[in-house]
């Protein structure tokens, strides 16, 4: 199967907090070195958000101190349905990132697009050439809008969460020229966890995870590579939003994303995933 060398966007949620159920060490000793490595590895871009603590400011200082050309995608939430408030929130992003123009701006809440103020805001920043693309972070296929201003969709997708990836709505969106960024490919790392470490409140996921891990072992396939290539199989043109806890993990992640996996193994992994749909693949339903 074809490998994707530069379709990886690195997320920065780990910069300020332990993000992910399988994350035991996300302390970055030198965030600038980490960002340097993202650039050196030829990753497609960096994903951040206004509510990721000081992540935007860190990226902004890094950009200011270097002459790197890197695509930056950030996300905001519409806490107030007010055009001037949205303008101020976006200006804060530009200031923190030390940018005059952002590659992509997404609304964090999929329901925000229904507000006329948000649509007016999108029109304004696109017209003023302050962003290359505007988009939404969504959770279900019914939230895929049909609108010329929505050029990026960030969606959850994995071996075990194929609903949006396989939908006719997403296919139509891509055919119309839309770009897709897939997050939660590893379901916060839970699909790699040992059975004994999976929390009791996620016990219903143990069996499918066990089957996935067994398949990877029997096929002598790295589970990270298998998880990544399975998503590419369903959506060949997508970009993946992936996170790492340190430089070594980042290097391994990019390296493993290029590993060749037999198509028959990928198909079997996807069959396993399709047999075990569950709302618990969505972390919003985790009740600790």
C-alpha atoms as a PDB file:
ATOM      1  CA  UNK A   1       0.000   0.000   0.000  1.00  0.00           C
ATOM      2  CA  UNK A   2       1.188   3.509  -0.771  1.00  0.00           C
ATOM      3  CA  UNK A   3       2.878   5.324   2.101  1.00  0.00           C
ATOM      4  CA  UNK A   4       2.134   8.934   2.969  1.00  0.00           C
ATOM      5  CA  UNK A   5       5.297  10.852   3.776  1.00  0.00           C
ATOM      6  CA  UNK A   6       3.993  14.307   4.545  1.00  0.00           C
ATOM      7  CA  UNK A   7       0.305  13.913   5.349  1.00  0.00           C
ATOM      8  CA  UNK A   8       0.875  14.065   9.085  1.00  0.00           C
ATOM      9  CA  UNK A   9      -0.100  17.090  11.152  1.00  0.00           C
ATOM     10  CA  UNK A  10       1.321  17.104  14.674  1.00  0.00           C
ATOM     11  CA  UNK A  11      -1.029  18.087  17.478  1.00  0.00           C
ATOM     12  CA  UNK A  12       0.068  20.160  20.471  1.00  0.00           C
ATOM     13  CA  UNK A  13      -2.545  19.319  23.127  1.00  0.00           C
ATOM     14  CA  UNK A  14       0.245  17.470  24.971  1.00  0.00           C
ATOM     15  CA  UNK A  15       2.187  20.710  25.471  1.00  0.00           C
ATOM     16  CA  UNK A  16       0.244  21.723  28.532  1.00  0.00           C
ATOM     17  CA  UNK A  17      -1.483  18.664  29.932  1.00  0.00           C
ATOM     18  CA  UNK A  18      -1.422  14.876  29.972  1.00  0.00           C
ATOM     19  CA  UNK A  19      -3.634  14.309  26.954  1.00  0.00           C
ATOM     20  CA  UNK A  20      -4.676  10.738  26.279  1.00  0.00           C
ATOM     21  CA  UNK A  21      -5.561   7.822  28.487  1.00  0.00           C
ATOM     22  CA  UNK A  22      -2.316   6.025  27.572  1.00  0.00           C
ATOM     23  CA  UNK A  23      -0.148   9.092  28.131  1.00  0.00           C
ATOM     24  CA  UNK A  24       2.088   8.785  31.174  1.00  0.00           C
ATOM     25  CA  UNK A  25       4.754  11.307  30.262  1.00  0.00           C
ATOM     26  CA  UNK A  26       3.995  14.399  28.237  1.00  0.00           C
ATOM     27  CA  UNK A  27       6.454  16.741  29.923  1.00  0.00           C
ATOM     28  CA  UNK A  28       8.360  18.588  27.224  1.00  0.00           C
ATOM     29  CA  UNK A  29      11.785  19.688  28.429  1.00  0.00           C
ATOM     30  CA  UNK A  30      12.365  21.727  25.303  1.00  0.00           C
ATOM     31  CA  UNK A  31       9.327  22.503  23.216  1.00  0.00           C
ATOM     32  CA  UNK A  32      11.368  24.464  20.694  1.00  0.00           C
ATOM     33  CA  UNK A  33      13.519  21.404  19.938  1.00  0.00           C
ATOM     34  CA  UNK A  34      10.328  19.376  19.541  1.00  0.00           C
ATOM     35  CA  UNK A  35       8.939  21.934  17.084  1.00  0.00           C
ATOM     36  CA  UNK A  36      12.280  21.939  15.248  1.00  0.00           C
ATOM     37  CA  UNK A  37      11.960  18.178  14.833  1.00  0.00           C
ATOM     38  CA  UNK A  38       8.441  18.485  13.407  1.00  0.00           C
ATOM     39  CA  UNK A  39       9.883  20.757  10.728  1.00  0.00           C
ATOM     40  CA  UNK A  40      12.934  18.564  10.072  1.00  0.00           C
ATOM     41  CA  UNK A  41      10.765  15.472   9.658  1.00  0.00           C
ATOM     42  CA  UNK A  42       8.801  17.186   6.913  1.00  0.00           C
ATOM     43  CA  UNK A  43       5.422  17.003   8.620  1.00  0.00           C
ATOM     44  CA  UNK A  44       2.527  18.670   6.861  1.00  0.00           C
ATOM     45  CA  UNK A  45       1.678  21.105   9.647  1.00  0.00           C
ATOM     46  CA  UNK A  46       1.006  21.798  13.316  1.00  0.00           C
ATOM     47  CA  UNK A  47      -2.423  21.613  14.940  1.00  0.00           C
ATOM     48  CA  UNK A  48      -3.161  23.734  17.989  1.00  0.00           C
ATOM     49  CA  UNK A  49      -6.011  25.627  19.666  1.00  0.00           C
ATOM     50  CA  UNK A  50      -6.625  28.714  21.711  1.00  0.00           C
ATOM     51  CA  UNK A  51      -7.585  26.554  24.686  1.00  0.00           C
ATOM     52  CA  UNK A  52      -4.404  24.441  24.632  1.00  0.00           C
ATOM     53  CA  UNK A  53      -2.856  26.503  27.424  1.00  0.00           C
ATOM     54  CA  UNK A  54       0.263  28.304  26.188  1.00  0.00           C
ATOM     55  CA  UNK A  55       0.682  26.143  23.071  1.00  0.00           C
ATOM     56  CA  UNK A  56      -0.074  28.997  20.661  1.00  0.00           C
ATOM     57  CA  UNK A  57       2.370  31.339  22.411  1.00  0.00           C
ATOM     58  CA  UNK A  58       5.090  28.676  22.309  1.00  0.00           C
ATOM     59  CA  UNK A  59       4.541  28.129  18.594  1.00  0.00           C
ATOM     60  CA  UNK A  60       4.497  31.891  18.042  1.00  0.00           C
ATOM     61  CA  UNK A  61       7.861  32.376  19.763  1.00  0.00           C
ATOM     62  CA  UNK A  62       9.297  29.475  17.786  1.00  0.00           C
ATOM     63  CA  UNK A  63       8.103  30.980  14.504  1.00  0.00           C
ATOM     64  CA  UNK A  64       9.470  34.382  15.495  1.00  0.00           C
ATOM     65  CA  UNK A  65      12.907  32.967  16.276  1.00  0.00           C
ATOM     66  CA  UNK A  66      13.166  30.888  13.103  1.00  0.00           C
ATOM     67  CA  UNK A  67      12.649  31.295   9.409  1.00  0.00           C
ATOM     68  CA  UNK A  68      10.567  28.129   9.085  1.00  0.00           C
ATOM     69  CA  UNK A  69       7.606  27.949   6.748  1.00  0.00           C
ATOM     70  CA  UNK A  70       5.114  25.714   8.509  1.00  0.00           C
ATOM     71  CA  UNK A  71       1.368  25.409   8.066  1.00  0.00           C
ATOM     72  CA  UNK A  72      -0.410  26.239  11.322  1.00  0.00           C
ATOM     73  CA  UNK A  73      -3.975  25.131  12.032  1.00  0.00           C
ATOM     74  CA  UNK A  74      -5.749  26.428  15.104  1.00  0.00           C
ATOM     75  CA  UNK A  75      -9.206  26.149  16.620  1.00  0.00           C
ATOM     76  CA  UNK A  76     -11.437  28.544  18.515  1.00  0.00           C
ATOM     77  CA  UNK A  77     -14.773  28.289  20.302  1.00  0.00           C
ATOM     78  CA  UNK A  78     -17.632  30.714  19.982  1.00  0.00           C
ATOM     79  CA  UNK A  79     -18.371  31.396  23.628  1.00  0.00           C
ATOM     80  CA  UNK A  80     -20.290  34.532  22.693  1.00  0.00           C
ATOM     81  CA  UNK A  81     -22.431  34.812  19.586  1.00  0.00           C
ATOM     82  CA  UNK A  82     -21.062  38.182  18.691  1.00  0.00           C
ATOM     83  CA  UNK A  83     -19.064  39.155  15.601  1.00  0.00           C
ATOM     84  CA  UNK A  84     -16.778  41.576  17.427  1.00  0.00           C
ATOM     85  CA  UNK A  85     -16.047  38.948  20.083  1.00  0.00           C
ATOM     86  CA  UNK A  86     -15.078  36.473  17.360  1.00  0.00           C
ATOM     87  CA  UNK A  87     -12.852  39.106  15.786  1.00  0.00           C
ATOM     88  CA  UNK A  88     -11.088  39.656  19.109  1.00  0.00           C
ATOM     89  CA  UNK A  89     -10.627  35.925  19.698  1.00  0.00           C
ATOM     90  CA  UNK A  90      -9.109  35.515  16.257  1.00  0.00           C
ATOM     91  CA  UNK A  91      -6.847  38.543  16.700  1.00  0.00           C
ATOM     92  CA  UNK A  92      -5.571  36.967  19.912  1.00  0.00           C
ATOM     93  CA  UNK A  93      -4.642  33.848  17.932  1.00  0.00           C
ATOM     94  CA  UNK A  94      -2.760  35.907  15.364  1.00  0.00           C
ATOM     95  CA  UNK A  95      -0.869  37.777  18.084  1.00  0.00           C
ATOM     96  CA  UNK A  96       0.026  34.629  20.039  1.00  0.00           C
ATOM     97  CA  UNK A  97       1.148  32.820  16.892  1.00  0.00           C
ATOM     98  CA  UNK A  98       3.087  35.833  15.568  1.00  0.00           C
ATOM     99  CA  UNK A  99       1.309  35.444  12.257  1.00  0.00           C
ATOM    100  CA  UNK A 100      -0.496  37.791   9.925  1.00  0.00           C
ATOM    101  CA  UNK A 101      -2.227  34.901   8.221  1.00  0.00           C
ATOM    102  CA  UNK A 102      -3.099  31.358   9.361  1.00  0.00           C
ATOM    103  CA  UNK A 103      -3.207  28.306   7.119  1.00  0.00           C
ATOM    104  CA  UNK A 104      -6.419  27.026   8.674  1.00  0.00           C
ATOM    105  CA  UNK A 105      -8.882  28.180  11.314  1.00  0.00           C
ATOM    106  CA  UNK A 106     -11.508  25.769  12.603  1.00  0.00           C
ATOM    107  CA  UNK A 107     -14.454  26.175  14.930  1.00  0.00           C
ATOM    108  CA  UNK A 108     -14.081  23.768  17.856  1.00  0.00           C
ATOM    109  CA  UNK A 109     -17.839  23.281  18.193  1.00  0.00           C
ATOM    110  CA  UNK A 110     -19.633  21.717  15.225  1.00  0.00           C
ATOM    111  CA  UNK A 111     -22.857  23.535  16.127  1.00  0.00           C
ATOM    112  CA  UNK A 112     -21.253  26.975  15.811  1.00  0.00           C
ATOM    113  CA  UNK A 113     -21.617  26.953  12.027  1.00  0.00           C
ATOM    114  CA  UNK A 114     -25.394  27.285  12.354  1.00  0.00           C
ATOM    115  CA  UNK A 115     -24.953  30.758  13.879  1.00  0.00           C
ATOM    116  CA  UNK A 116     -25.183  33.602  11.400  1.00  0.00           C
ATOM    117  CA  UNK A 117     -22.499  35.536  13.276  1.00  0.00           C
ATOM    118  CA  UNK A 118     -20.012  32.705  12.740  1.00  0.00           C
ATOM    119  CA  UNK A 119     -20.830  32.563   9.031  1.00  0.00           C
ATOM    120  CA  UNK A 120     -20.358  36.325   8.777  1.00  0.00           C
ATOM    121  CA  UNK A 121     -17.055  36.002  10.621  1.00  0.00           C
ATOM    122  CA  UNK A 122     -15.889  33.300   8.195  1.00  0.00           C
ATOM    123  CA  UNK A 123     -16.816  35.471   5.225  1.00  0.00           C
ATOM    124  CA  UNK A 124     -14.914  38.396   6.701  1.00  0.00           C
ATOM    125  CA  UNK A 125     -11.603  36.682   7.455  1.00  0.00           C
ATOM    126  CA  UNK A 126     -11.626  34.837   4.127  1.00  0.00           C
ATOM    127  CA  UNK A 127     -12.366  38.035   2.226  1.00  0.00           C
ATOM    128  CA  UNK A 128      -9.597  39.851   4.095  1.00  0.00           C
ATOM    129  CA  UNK A 129      -7.173  37.010   3.298  1.00  0.00           C
ATOM    130  CA  UNK A 130      -6.405  36.323   6.986  1.00  0.00           C
ATOM    131  CA  UNK A 131      -6.746  32.540   6.567  1.00  0.00           C
ATOM    132  CA  UNK A 132      -6.188  30.197   3.659  1.00  0.00           C
ATOM    133  CA  UNK A 133      -8.980  27.863   4.764  1.00  0.00           C
ATOM    134  CA  UNK A 134     -11.862  27.891   7.230  1.00  0.00           C
ATOM    135  CA  UNK A 135     -13.352  24.762   8.739  1.00  0.00           C
ATOM    136  CA  UNK A 136     -15.042  22.803  11.486  1.00  0.00           C
ATOM    137  CA  UNK A 137     -14.132  20.150  14.023  1.00  0.00           C
ATOM    138  CA  UNK A 138     -17.031  17.680  13.958  1.00  0.00           C
ATOM    139  CA  UNK A 139     -18.138  14.438  15.624  1.00  0.00           C
ATOM    140  CA  UNK A 140     -20.729  12.941  13.289  1.00  0.00           C
ATOM    141  CA  UNK A 141     -21.521  12.726   9.593  1.00  0.00           C
ATOM    142  CA  UNK A 142     -24.755  14.683   9.947  1.00  0.00           C
ATOM    143  CA  UNK A 143     -22.657  17.730  10.866  1.00  0.00           C
ATOM    144  CA  UNK A 144     -20.845  17.821   7.518  1.00  0.00           C
ATOM    145  CA  UNK A 145     -22.019  21.110   5.996  1.00  0.00           C
ATOM    146  CA  UNK A 146     -22.502  21.825   2.327  1.00  0.00           C
ATOM    147  CA  UNK A 147     -20.989  25.275   2.037  1.00  0.00           C
ATOM    148  CA  UNK A 148     -18.223  26.712  -0.121  1.00  0.00           C
ATOM    149  CA  UNK A 149     -16.564  28.399   2.881  1.00  0.00           C
ATOM    150  CA  UNK A 150     -15.930  25.099   4.702  1.00  0.00           C
ATOM    151  CA  UNK A 151     -12.701  23.809   3.204  1.00  0.00           C
ATOM    152  CA  UNK A 152     -11.385  21.785   6.168  1.00  0.00           C
ATOM    153  CA  UNK A 153     -13.109  19.197   8.322  1.00  0.00           C
ATOM    154  CA  UNK A 154     -11.413  17.677  11.347  1.00  0.00           C
ATOM    155  CA  UNK A 155     -13.082  14.359  12.151  1.00  0.00           C
ATOM    156  CA  UNK A 156     -12.596  11.412  14.500  1.00  0.00           C
ATOM    157  CA  UNK A 157     -11.599   8.245  12.690  1.00  0.00           C
ATOM    158  CA  UNK A 158      -9.924   4.946  13.432  1.00  0.00           C
ATOM    159  CA  UNK A 159     -10.133   1.211  12.811  1.00  0.00           C
ATOM    160  CA  UNK A 160     -12.957   1.157  15.361  1.00  0.00           C
ATOM    161  CA  UNK A 161     -14.630   4.423  14.364  1.00  0.00           C
ATOM    162  CA  UNK A 162     -15.356   4.173  10.661  1.00  0.00           C
ATOM    163  CA  UNK A 163     -18.742   5.890  10.546  1.00  0.00           C
ATOM    164  CA  UNK A 164     -17.686   9.242   9.115  1.00  0.00           C
ATOM    165  CA  UNK A 165     -14.745   7.836   7.126  1.00  0.00           C
ATOM    166  CA  UNK A 166     -17.013   5.515   5.147  1.00  0.00           C
ATOM    167  CA  UNK A 167     -19.972   7.893   4.766  1.00  0.00           C
ATOM    168  CA  UNK A 168     -21.289   9.141   1.464  1.00  0.00           C
ATOM    169  CA  UNK A 169     -21.458  12.603   3.049  1.00  0.00           C
ATOM    170  CA  UNK A 170     -17.682  12.686   3.532  1.00  0.00           C
ATOM    171  CA  UNK A 171     -17.042  11.277   0.061  1.00  0.00           C
ATOM    172  CA  UNK A 172     -19.202  14.024  -1.433  1.00  0.00           C
ATOM    173  CA  UNK A 173     -17.383  16.644   0.643  1.00  0.00           C
ATOM    174  CA  UNK A 174     -13.977  15.433  -0.594  1.00  0.00           C
ATOM    175  CA  UNK A 175     -15.173  15.293  -4.208  1.00  0.00           C
ATOM    176  CA  UNK A 176     -16.226  18.933  -3.910  1.00  0.00           C
ATOM    177  CA  UNK A 177     -12.650  19.873  -2.970  1.00  0.00           C
ATOM    178  CA  UNK A 178     -12.764  19.670   0.829  1.00  0.00           C
ATOM    179  CA  UNK A 179      -9.738  18.730   2.933  1.00  0.00           C
ATOM    180  CA  UNK A 180     -10.059  16.156   5.729  1.00  0.00           C
ATOM    181  CA  UNK A 181      -7.971  15.982   8.904  1.00  0.00           C
ATOM    182  CA  UNK A 182      -8.501  12.794  10.930  1.00  0.00           C
ATOM    183  CA  UNK A 183      -7.966  12.842  14.695  1.00  0.00           C
ATOM    184  CA  UNK A 184      -8.279  10.106  17.360  1.00  0.00           C
ATOM    185  CA  UNK A 185      -6.603   7.546  15.088  1.00  0.00           C
ATOM    186  CA  UNK A 186      -5.269   5.723  18.163  1.00  0.00           C
ATOM    187  CA  UNK A 187      -8.310   6.535  20.382  1.00  0.00           C
ATOM    188  CA  UNK A 188      -5.969   8.342  22.798  1.00  0.00           C
ATOM    189  CA  UNK A 189      -3.621   5.361  22.730  1.00  0.00           C
ATOM    190  CA  UNK A 190      -6.078   2.888  24.237  1.00  0.00           C
ATOM    191  CA  UNK A 191      -5.842   0.477  21.281  1.00  0.00           C
ATOM    192  CA  UNK A 192      -2.210  -0.191  22.201  1.00  0.00           C
ATOM    193  CA  UNK A 193      -2.772  -0.752  25.923  1.00  0.00           C
ATOM    194  CA  UNK A 194      -2.384  -4.062  27.720  1.00  0.00           C
ATOM    195  CA  UNK A 195      -5.651  -5.630  28.831  1.00  0.00           C
ATOM    196  CA  UNK A 196      -4.718  -5.259  32.491  1.00  0.00           C
ATOM    197  CA  UNK A 197      -4.215  -1.502  32.090  1.00  0.00           C
ATOM    198  CA  UNK A 198      -7.525  -0.747  30.407  1.00  0.00           C
ATOM    199  CA  UNK A 199      -9.861   0.954  32.928  1.00  0.00           C
ATOM    200  CA  UNK A 200     -12.963  -0.916  34.040  1.00  0.00           C
ATOM    201  CA  UNK A 201     -15.252   1.740  32.631  1.00  0.00           C
ATOM    202  CA  UNK A 202     -13.901   0.804  29.175  1.00  0.00           C
ATOM    203  CA  UNK A 203     -14.152  -2.955  29.694  1.00  0.00           C
ATOM    204  CA  UNK A 204     -16.484  -3.314  26.685  1.00  0.00           C
ATOM    205  CA  UNK A 205     -13.571  -2.344  24.434  1.00  0.00           C
ATOM    206  CA  UNK A 206     -11.197  -5.006  25.721  1.00  0.00           C
ATOM    207  CA  UNK A 207     -12.252  -7.780  23.320  1.00  0.00           C
ATOM    208  CA  UNK A 208     -11.966  -5.797  20.064  1.00  0.00           C
ATOM    209  CA  UNK A 209      -8.648  -4.302  21.184  1.00  0.00           C
ATOM    210  CA  UNK A 210      -7.382  -7.799  21.959  1.00  0.00           C
ATOM    211  CA  UNK A 211      -8.386  -8.974  18.466  1.00  0.00           C
ATOM    212  CA  UNK A 212      -6.648  -6.010  16.840  1.00  0.00           C
ATOM    213  CA  UNK A 213      -3.448  -6.554  18.809  1.00  0.00           C
ATOM    214  CA  UNK A 214      -3.502 -10.284  18.040  1.00  0.00           C
ATOM    215  CA  UNK A 215      -3.888  -9.577  14.311  1.00  0.00           C
ATOM    216  CA  UNK A 216      -0.933  -7.183  14.353  1.00  0.00           C
ATOM    217  CA  UNK A 217       1.205  -9.738  16.181  1.00  0.00           C
ATOM    218  CA  UNK A 218       0.267 -12.627  13.895  1.00  0.00           C
ATOM    219  CA  UNK A 219       0.927 -10.515  10.787  1.00  0.00           C
ATOM    220  CA  UNK A 220       4.198  -9.208  12.228  1.00  0.00           C
ATOM    221  CA  UNK A 221       2.854  -5.699  11.686  1.00  0.00           C
ATOM    222  CA  UNK A 222       3.546  -2.770  13.952  1.00  0.00           C
ATOM    223  CA  UNK A 223       0.170  -1.807  15.516  1.00  0.00           C
ATOM    224  CA  UNK A 224       0.864   1.908  15.040  1.00  0.00           C
ATOM    225  CA  UNK A 225       1.551   1.360  11.333  1.00  0.00           C
ATOM    226  CA  UNK A 226      -1.532  -0.830  11.003  1.00  0.00           C
ATOM    227  CA  UNK A 227      -3.763   1.760  12.682  1.00  0.00           C
ATOM    228  CA  UNK A 228      -2.457   4.523  10.422  1.00  0.00           C
ATOM    229  CA  UNK A 229      -2.566   2.593   7.160  1.00  0.00           C
ATOM    230  CA  UNK A 230      -6.106   1.385   7.918  1.00  0.00           C
ATOM    231  CA  UNK A 231      -7.335   4.978   8.103  1.00  0.00           C
ATOM    232  CA  UNK A 232      -5.534   5.826   4.871  1.00  0.00           C
ATOM    233  CA  UNK A 233      -7.245   2.834   3.272  1.00  0.00           C
ATOM    234  CA  UNK A 234     -10.650   4.341   4.063  1.00  0.00           C
ATOM    235  CA  UNK A 235      -9.650   7.909   3.221  1.00  0.00           C
ATOM    236  CA  UNK A 236      -6.557   7.997   0.977  1.00  0.00           C
ATOM    237  CA  UNK A 237      -6.465  11.794   0.634  1.00  0.00           C
ATOM    238  CA  UNK A 238      -6.809  12.638   4.331  1.00  0.00           C
ATOM    239  CA  UNK A 239      -4.224  14.095   6.668  1.00  0.00           C
ATOM    240  CA  UNK A 240      -3.783  12.639  10.132  1.00  0.00           C
ATOM    241  CA  UNK A 241      -3.598  14.738  13.295  1.00  0.00           C
ATOM    242  CA  UNK A 242      -1.270  12.779  15.576  1.00  0.00           C
ATOM    243  CA  UNK A 243       0.354  13.569  18.900  1.00  0.00           C
ATOM    244  CA  UNK A 244       3.558  12.443  20.583  1.00  0.00           C
ATOM    245  CA  UNK A 245       4.900  12.873  24.115  1.00  0.00           C
ATOM    246  CA  UNK A 246       8.523  13.570  23.215  1.00  0.00           C
ATOM    247  CA  UNK A 247      10.978  13.794  20.317  1.00  0.00           C
ATOM    248  CA  UNK A 248      11.773  10.075  20.297  1.00  0.00           C
ATOM    249  CA  UNK A 249       8.083   9.186  20.064  1.00  0.00           C
ATOM    250  CA  UNK A 250       7.623  11.788  17.343  1.00  0.00           C
ATOM    251  CA  UNK A 251      10.439  10.289  15.270  1.00  0.00           C
ATOM    252  CA  UNK A 252       9.053   6.779  15.735  1.00  0.00           C
ATOM    253  CA  UNK A 253       5.551   7.899  14.818  1.00  0.00           C
ATOM    254  CA  UNK A 254       6.639   9.449  11.536  1.00  0.00           C
ATOM    255  CA  UNK A 255       8.865   6.477  10.731  1.00  0.00           C
ATOM    256  CA  UNK A 256       6.118   3.946  11.435  1.00  0.00           C
ATOM    257  CA  UNK A 257       3.580   5.911   9.414  1.00  0.00           C
ATOM    258  CA  UNK A 258       5.573   4.955   6.308  1.00  0.00           C
ATOM    259  CA  UNK A 259       5.740   1.220   6.990  1.00  0.00           C
ATOM    260  CA  UNK A 260       4.230  -1.004   4.330  1.00  0.00           C
ATOM    261  CA  UNK A 261       1.351  -3.204   5.486  1.00  0.00           C
ATOM    262  CA  UNK A 262      -0.150  -5.963   3.357  1.00  0.00           C
ATOM    263  CA  UNK A 263      -3.564  -4.977   2.036  1.00  0.00           C
ATOM    264  CA  UNK A 264      -5.091  -8.235   3.290  1.00  0.00           C
ATOM    265  CA  UNK A 265      -3.992  -7.378   6.842  1.00  0.00           C
ATOM    266  CA  UNK A 266      -5.481  -3.903   6.576  1.00  0.00           C
ATOM    267  CA  UNK A 267      -8.754  -5.340   5.290  1.00  0.00           C
ATOM    268  CA  UNK A 268      -8.878  -7.791   8.189  1.00  0.00           C
ATOM    269  CA  UNK A 269      -8.222  -5.004  10.693  1.00  0.00           C
ATOM    270  CA  UNK A 270     -11.052  -2.947   9.213  1.00  0.00           C
ATOM    271  CA  UNK A 271     -13.381  -5.955   9.363  1.00  0.00           C
ATOM    272  CA  UNK A 272     -12.600  -6.345  13.062  1.00  0.00           C
ATOM    273  CA  UNK A 273     -13.282  -2.663  13.624  1.00  0.00           C
ATOM    274  CA  UNK A 274     -16.568  -2.704  11.735  1.00  0.00           C
ATOM    275  CA  UNK A 275     -17.869  -5.548  13.919  1.00  0.00           C
ATOM    276  CA  UNK A 276     -17.368  -3.622  17.166  1.00  0.00           C
ATOM    277  CA  UNK A 277     -18.931  -0.173  16.834  1.00  0.00           C
ATOM    278  CA  UNK A 278     -19.470   1.431  20.226  1.00  0.00           C
ATOM    279  CA  UNK A 279     -19.992   4.930  21.535  1.00  0.00           C
ATOM    280  CA  UNK A 280     -17.066   4.361  23.910  1.00  0.00           C
ATOM    281  CA  UNK A 281     -14.651   4.791  21.008  1.00  0.00           C
ATOM    282  CA  UNK A 282     -15.616   8.443  21.507  1.00  0.00           C
ATOM    283  CA  UNK A 283     -13.822   9.820  24.629  1.00  0.00           C
ATOM    284  CA  UNK A 284     -16.730  12.210  25.228  1.00  0.00           C
ATOM    285  CA  UNK A 285     -18.643   9.204  26.624  1.00  0.00           C
ATOM    286  CA  UNK A 286     -15.931   8.063  29.009  1.00  0.00           C
ATOM    287  CA  UNK A 287     -17.153   8.241  32.589  1.00  0.00           C
ATOM    288  CA  UNK A 288     -14.227   7.785  34.920  1.00  0.00           C
END
